[in-house]
């Protein structure tokens, strides 16, 4: 649903840009198009931010589960050590991704 809404927003941005090319627009019409465009951008950013926050939440849960599984693997058998190390490595990479997305969100980059 969010992706579909973002696609529709982008189509609307294109329509606004095409409308702006009309040299016969009044100043009031130009102002209206600009105002609508700004509001649409704000809406787009809100949707994207929400998606990113959900991603951080899901990745945080997944990371915790991976860590727990790695602990269980480590405890279960020495022959699974290679798998355990791979799971631990992926878990750490997911944590780095979470930090990167969270940093981007807090700084307004994302």
C-alpha atoms as a PDB file:
ATOM      1  CA  UNK A   1       0.000   0.000   0.000  1.00  0.00           C
ATOM      2  CA  UNK A   2       2.796   2.431   0.898  1.00  0.00           C
ATOM      3  CA  UNK A   3       4.712   1.650  -2.276  1.00  0.00           C
ATOM      4  CA  UNK A   4       1.560   2.153  -4.312  1.00  0.00           C
ATOM      5  CA  UNK A   5       0.962   5.494  -2.591  1.00  0.00           C
ATOM      6  CA  UNK A   6       4.563   6.572  -3.246  1.00  0.00           C
ATOM      7  CA  UNK A   7       4.156   5.635  -6.914  1.00  0.00           C
ATOM      8  CA  UNK A   8       0.986   7.709  -7.095  1.00  0.00           C
ATOM      9  CA  UNK A   9       2.743  10.644  -5.435  1.00  0.00           C
ATOM     10  CA  UNK A  10       5.499  10.486  -8.058  1.00  0.00           C
ATOM     11  CA  UNK A  11       2.924  10.461 -10.857  1.00  0.00           C
ATOM     12  CA  UNK A  12       1.312  13.514  -9.289  1.00  0.00           C
ATOM     13  CA  UNK A  13       4.694  15.282  -9.092  1.00  0.00           C
ATOM     14  CA  UNK A  14       5.163  14.653 -12.812  1.00  0.00           C
ATOM     15  CA  UNK A  15       1.700  16.053 -13.555  1.00  0.00           C
ATOM     16  CA  UNK A  16       2.461  19.163 -11.507  1.00  0.00           C
ATOM     17  CA  UNK A  17       5.768  19.663 -13.306  1.00  0.00           C
ATOM     18  CA  UNK A  18       4.048  19.340 -16.676  1.00  0.00           C
ATOM     19  CA  UNK A  19       1.393  21.837 -15.588  1.00  0.00           C
ATOM     20  CA  UNK A  20       4.078  24.297 -14.524  1.00  0.00           C
ATOM     21  CA  UNK A  21       5.342  24.375 -18.121  1.00  0.00           C
ATOM     22  CA  UNK A  22       2.136  26.105 -19.208  1.00  0.00           C
ATOM     23  CA  UNK A  23       3.128  29.729 -19.861  1.00  0.00           C
ATOM     24  CA  UNK A  24      -0.506  30.846 -19.567  1.00  0.00           C
ATOM     25  CA  UNK A  25      -0.784  30.052 -15.870  1.00  0.00           C
ATOM     26  CA  UNK A  26      -1.671  32.918 -13.585  1.00  0.00           C
ATOM     27  CA  UNK A  27       0.489  33.722 -10.556  1.00  0.00           C
ATOM     28  CA  UNK A  28      -2.264  32.359  -8.338  1.00  0.00           C
ATOM     29  CA  UNK A  29      -2.261  29.060 -10.252  1.00  0.00           C
ATOM     30  CA  UNK A  30       1.532  28.841 -10.064  1.00  0.00           C
ATOM     31  CA  UNK A  31       1.392  29.494  -6.332  1.00  0.00           C
ATOM     32  CA  UNK A  32      -1.263  26.806  -5.920  1.00  0.00           C
ATOM     33  CA  UNK A  33       0.838  24.257  -7.814  1.00  0.00           C
ATOM     34  CA  UNK A  34       3.865  25.105  -5.683  1.00  0.00           C
ATOM     35  CA  UNK A  35       1.857  24.791  -2.464  1.00  0.00           C
ATOM     36  CA  UNK A  36       0.451  21.431  -3.509  1.00  0.00           C
ATOM     37  CA  UNK A  37       3.914  20.240  -4.523  1.00  0.00           C
ATOM     38  CA  UNK A  38       5.390  21.159  -1.127  1.00  0.00           C
ATOM     39  CA  UNK A  39       2.577  19.365   0.708  1.00  0.00           C
ATOM     40  CA  UNK A  40       3.019  16.287  -1.458  1.00  0.00           C
ATOM     41  CA  UNK A  41       6.777  16.267  -0.727  1.00  0.00           C
ATOM     42  CA  UNK A  42       6.030  16.443   3.001  1.00  0.00           C
ATOM     43  CA  UNK A  43       3.613  13.532   2.642  1.00  0.00           C
ATOM     44  CA  UNK A  44       6.185  11.545   0.671  1.00  0.00           C
ATOM     45  CA  UNK A  45       8.851  12.132   3.328  1.00  0.00           C
ATOM     46  CA  UNK A  46       6.466  11.046   6.086  1.00  0.00           C
ATOM     47  CA  UNK A  47       5.668   7.797   4.285  1.00  0.00           C
ATOM     48  CA  UNK A  48       9.361   7.069   3.608  1.00  0.00           C
ATOM     49  CA  UNK A  49      10.315   7.856   7.205  1.00  0.00           C
ATOM     50  CA  UNK A  50       7.593   5.528   8.481  1.00  0.00           C
ATOM     51  CA  UNK A  51       8.847   2.737   6.210  1.00  0.00           C
ATOM     52  CA  UNK A  52      12.409   3.239   7.453  1.00  0.00           C
ATOM     53  CA  UNK A  53      11.328   3.239  11.079  1.00  0.00           C
ATOM     54  CA  UNK A  54       9.484  -0.030  10.483  1.00  0.00           C
ATOM     55  CA  UNK A  55      12.619  -1.418   8.832  1.00  0.00           C
ATOM     56  CA  UNK A  56      14.707  -0.511  11.878  1.00  0.00           C
ATOM     57  CA  UNK A  57      12.162  -2.184  14.144  1.00  0.00           C
ATOM     58  CA  UNK A  58      12.048  -5.372  12.080  1.00  0.00           C
ATOM     59  CA  UNK A  59      15.831  -5.512  11.701  1.00  0.00           C
ATOM     60  CA  UNK A  60      16.306  -4.972  15.436  1.00  0.00           C
ATOM     61  CA  UNK A  61      14.047  -7.921  16.202  1.00  0.00           C
ATOM     62  CA  UNK A  62      15.748 -10.057  13.551  1.00  0.00           C
ATOM     63  CA  UNK A  63      19.175  -9.146  14.890  1.00  0.00           C
ATOM     64  CA  UNK A  64      18.237 -10.170  18.420  1.00  0.00           C
ATOM     65  CA  UNK A  65      16.853 -13.463  17.145  1.00  0.00           C
ATOM     66  CA  UNK A  66      20.021 -14.113  15.109  1.00  0.00           C
ATOM     67  CA  UNK A  67      22.195 -13.462  18.158  1.00  0.00           C
ATOM     68  CA  UNK A  68      20.143 -15.872  20.226  1.00  0.00           C
ATOM     69  CA  UNK A  69      20.332 -18.519  17.514  1.00  0.00           C
ATOM     70  CA  UNK A  70      24.093 -18.037  17.280  1.00  0.00           C
ATOM     71  CA  UNK A  71      24.378 -18.609  21.037  1.00  0.00           C
ATOM     72  CA  UNK A  72      22.305 -21.778  20.772  1.00  0.00           C
ATOM     73  CA  UNK A  73      24.348 -23.038  17.834  1.00  0.00           C
ATOM     74  CA  UNK A  74      27.584 -22.362  19.670  1.00  0.00           C
ATOM     75  CA  UNK A  75      26.396 -24.249  22.698  1.00  0.00           C
ATOM     76  CA  UNK A  76      24.978 -27.200  20.745  1.00  0.00           C
ATOM     77  CA  UNK A  77      28.031 -28.475  18.916  1.00  0.00           C
ATOM     78  CA  UNK A  78      31.561 -27.623  18.007  1.00  0.00           C
ATOM     79  CA  UNK A  79      31.050 -28.919  14.461  1.00  0.00           C
ATOM     80  CA  UNK A  80      28.573 -26.104  13.861  1.00  0.00           C
ATOM     81  CA  UNK A  81      31.208 -23.483  14.683  1.00  0.00           C
ATOM     82  CA  UNK A  82      31.535 -22.358  11.043  1.00  0.00           C
ATOM     83  CA  UNK A  83      27.783 -21.813  10.790  1.00  0.00           C
ATOM     84  CA  UNK A  84      27.781 -20.059  14.148  1.00  0.00           C
ATOM     85  CA  UNK A  85      30.467 -17.636  13.033  1.00  0.00           C
ATOM     86  CA  UNK A  86      28.580 -16.886   9.815  1.00  0.00           C
ATOM     87  CA  UNK A  87      25.371 -16.190  11.768  1.00  0.00           C
ATOM     88  CA  UNK A  88      27.270 -13.971  14.234  1.00  0.00           C
ATOM     89  CA  UNK A  89      28.827 -12.050  11.345  1.00  0.00           C
ATOM     90  CA  UNK A  90      25.447 -11.494   9.681  1.00  0.00           C
ATOM     91  CA  UNK A  91      24.000 -10.397  13.010  1.00  0.00           C
ATOM     92  CA  UNK A  92      26.747  -7.770  13.378  1.00  0.00           C
ATOM     93  CA  UNK A  93      26.208  -6.536   9.818  1.00  0.00           C
ATOM     94  CA  UNK A  94      22.469  -6.174  10.487  1.00  0.00           C
ATOM     95  CA  UNK A  95      23.304  -4.127  13.594  1.00  0.00           C
ATOM     96  CA  UNK A  96      25.518  -1.854  11.484  1.00  0.00           C
ATOM     97  CA  UNK A  97      22.684  -1.436   8.984  1.00  0.00           C
ATOM     98  CA  UNK A  98      20.308  -0.546  11.814  1.00  0.00           C
ATOM     99  CA  UNK A  99      22.740   2.074  13.103  1.00  0.00           C
ATOM    100  CA  UNK A 100      23.161   3.513   9.614  1.00  0.00           C
ATOM    101  CA  UNK A 101      19.427   3.776   8.979  1.00  0.00           C
ATOM    102  CA  UNK A 102      18.794   5.143  12.486  1.00  0.00           C
ATOM    103  CA  UNK A 103      21.566   7.720  12.039  1.00  0.00           C
ATOM    104  CA  UNK A 104      20.098   8.727   8.701  1.00  0.00           C
ATOM    105  CA  UNK A 105      16.660   9.091  10.250  1.00  0.00           C
ATOM    106  CA  UNK A 106      17.894  11.167  13.154  1.00  0.00           C
ATOM    107  CA  UNK A 107      19.944  13.442  10.928  1.00  0.00           C
ATOM    108  CA  UNK A 108      17.137  13.874   8.422  1.00  0.00           C
ATOM    109  CA  UNK A 109      19.113  12.311   5.573  1.00  0.00           C
ATOM    110  CA  UNK A 110      16.546   9.536   5.152  1.00  0.00           C
END
